[in-house]
Amino acid sequence: MKTPMARCSSPKRSNALPRAVAIALLIIMSAFPVAAEPSSDRQVELLYFLKHDCGSCHGLTRKGGLGSPLLPETMAGRSDDDLTAIILDGMPGTPMPPWRALFTEDEVRWMVRAIKQGTWRK
């Protein structure tokens, strides 16, 4: 006599991530916040600042002056984090002032990208 096969009850498949994986992803994602892109109007203001205010010390051709050159090739070796910190906090003992009172960190990171890409030279 054949015995009926026991029905296997498998758990329902779900497209949802297991809770532990979802929590781990949230923790990882919060460690790397997404920078907010400045509005197009603010970008114009930031580019003006880079050209005129930064240019007054770093040279209108960005080749240096009172401050060091701000050319993509001279900035390529510097990390975005270092350049952001320098702009926000200045460099004690040098003429480089802190700009934290005028700019958010996201704005400064945007400016650092503009410097490295050379988009502010136009």
Protein backbone atom coordinates (compact mmCIF):
# COMPACT_ATOMS: atom_id res chain seq x y z
CA MET A 1 0.00 0.00 0.00
CA LYS A 2 1.29 3.34 -0.97
CA THR A 3 1.28 6.05 1.58
CA PRO A 4 0.37 9.51 0.40
CA MET A 5 3.30 11.86 0.20
CA ALA A 6 3.34 14.38 2.93
CA ARG A 7 2.69 17.76 1.58
CA CYS A 8 5.62 20.06 2.00
CA SER A 9 4.58 23.39 3.18
CA SER A 10 7.04 25.92 1.94
CA PRO A 11 7.00 29.45 3.23
CA LYS A 12 5.42 31.98 0.95
CA ARG A 13 7.87 33.67 -1.30
CA SER A 14 8.06 37.37 -0.89
CA ASN A 15 9.87 40.06 -2.76
CA ALA A 16 10.45 41.86 0.52
CA LEU A 17 13.94 41.86 1.95
CA PRO A 18 14.42 40.06 5.22
CA ARG A 19 14.21 42.55 8.05
CA ALA A 20 17.88 42.16 9.06
CA VAL A 21 19.05 42.89 5.51
CA ALA A 22 16.80 45.94 5.27
CA ILE A 23 18.13 47.30 8.58
CA ALA A 24 21.73 46.70 7.48
CA LEU A 25 21.09 48.57 4.21
CA LEU A 26 19.58 51.51 6.09
CA ILE A 27 22.61 51.69 8.37
CA ILE A 28 25.02 51.57 5.43
CA MET A 29 23.04 54.16 3.45
CA SER A 30 22.92 56.54 6.41
CA ALA A 31 26.71 56.42 6.66
CA PHE A 32 26.94 57.87 3.14
CA PRO A 33 24.41 60.70 2.91
CA VAL A 34 23.49 61.87 -0.55
CA ALA A 35 24.59 65.44 -1.13
CA ALA A 36 21.85 67.81 -2.09
CA GLU A 37 22.48 69.53 -5.41
CA PRO A 38 22.24 73.32 -5.10
CA SER A 39 19.43 74.90 -7.11
CA SER A 40 20.37 76.28 -10.53
CA ASP A 41 20.12 79.84 -9.20
CA ARG A 42 22.42 78.99 -6.30
CA GLN A 43 24.86 77.30 -8.70
CA VAL A 44 25.12 80.57 -10.62
CA GLU A 45 25.89 82.38 -7.35
CA LEU A 46 28.48 79.77 -6.36
CA LEU A 47 30.20 80.00 -9.76
CA TYR A 48 30.26 83.80 -9.45
CA PHE A 49 31.84 83.46 -6.00
CA LEU A 50 34.44 81.03 -7.31
CA LYS A 51 35.33 83.28 -10.21
CA HIS A 52 35.49 86.60 -8.37
CA ASP A 53 36.04 85.98 -4.67
CA CYS A 54 38.26 82.90 -4.91
CA GLY A 55 39.86 84.36 -8.03
CA SER A 56 40.93 87.47 -6.13
CA CYS A 57 43.44 85.39 -4.15
CA HIS A 58 43.93 82.31 -6.31
CA GLY A 59 44.24 84.33 -9.51
CA LEU A 60 41.58 85.21 -12.05
CA THR A 61 43.19 82.64 -14.35
CA ARG A 62 43.25 80.17 -11.42
CA LYS A 63 47.02 79.79 -11.82
CA GLY A 64 47.74 81.04 -8.31
CA GLY A 65 48.54 84.30 -6.63
CA LEU A 66 48.28 84.91 -2.92
CA GLY A 67 46.65 81.47 -2.81
CA SER A 68 47.66 78.25 -4.54
CA PRO A 69 46.57 77.38 -8.10
CA LEU A 70 43.02 76.06 -8.44
CA LEU A 71 43.37 74.19 -11.70
CA PRO A 72 41.86 70.73 -12.22
CA GLU A 73 45.35 69.25 -12.68
CA THR A 74 46.64 70.74 -9.42
CA MET A 75 43.52 69.71 -7.49
CA ALA A 76 43.31 66.16 -8.88
CA GLY A 77 45.58 64.77 -6.16
CA ARG A 78 43.59 66.32 -3.32
CA SER A 79 40.60 64.50 -1.86
CA ASP A 80 37.17 66.12 -1.99
CA ASP A 81 36.99 65.79 1.81
CA ASP A 82 40.28 67.69 2.31
CA LEU A 83 39.31 70.48 -0.06
CA THR A 84 35.86 70.76 1.51
CA ALA A 85 37.40 71.05 4.99
CA ILE A 86 39.86 73.70 3.80
CA ILE A 87 37.10 75.82 2.27
CA LEU A 88 34.77 75.45 5.24
CA ASP A 89 37.35 75.89 8.00
CA GLY A 90 40.14 77.85 6.32
CA MET A 91 43.84 77.25 6.90
CA PRO A 92 45.14 78.78 10.13
CA GLY A 93 48.38 80.67 9.67
CA THR A 94 47.58 81.44 6.03
CA PRO A 95 45.37 84.03 4.32
CA MET A 96 42.77 81.30 3.58
CA PRO A 97 39.70 82.25 5.67
CA PRO A 98 36.90 79.91 6.77
CA TRP A 99 33.75 80.13 4.63
CA ARG A 100 31.47 77.97 6.81
CA ALA A 101 29.29 80.97 7.68
CA LEU A 102 28.39 81.50 4.01
CA PHE A 103 28.12 77.99 2.58
CA THR A 104 26.67 74.62 3.49
CA GLU A 105 28.82 71.53 3.21
CA ASP A 106 26.78 70.39 0.18
CA GLU A 107 27.43 73.72 -1.55
CA VAL A 108 31.15 73.47 -0.87
CA ARG A 109 31.24 69.89 -2.18
CA TRP A 110 29.54 71.17 -5.34
CA MET A 111 32.17 73.91 -5.64
CA VAL A 112 34.98 71.38 -5.16
CA ARG A 113 33.56 69.35 -8.07
CA ALA A 114 33.37 72.54 -10.16
CA ILE A 115 37.01 73.33 -9.38
CA LYS A 116 38.17 69.80 -10.19
CA GLN A 117 36.17 69.68 -13.42
CA GLY A 118 37.19 73.18 -14.47
CA THR A 119 33.56 74.23 -14.99
CA TRP A 120 34.05 77.47 -13.10
CA ARG A 121 36.65 78.76 -15.57
CA LYS A 122 34.04 79.56 -18.18
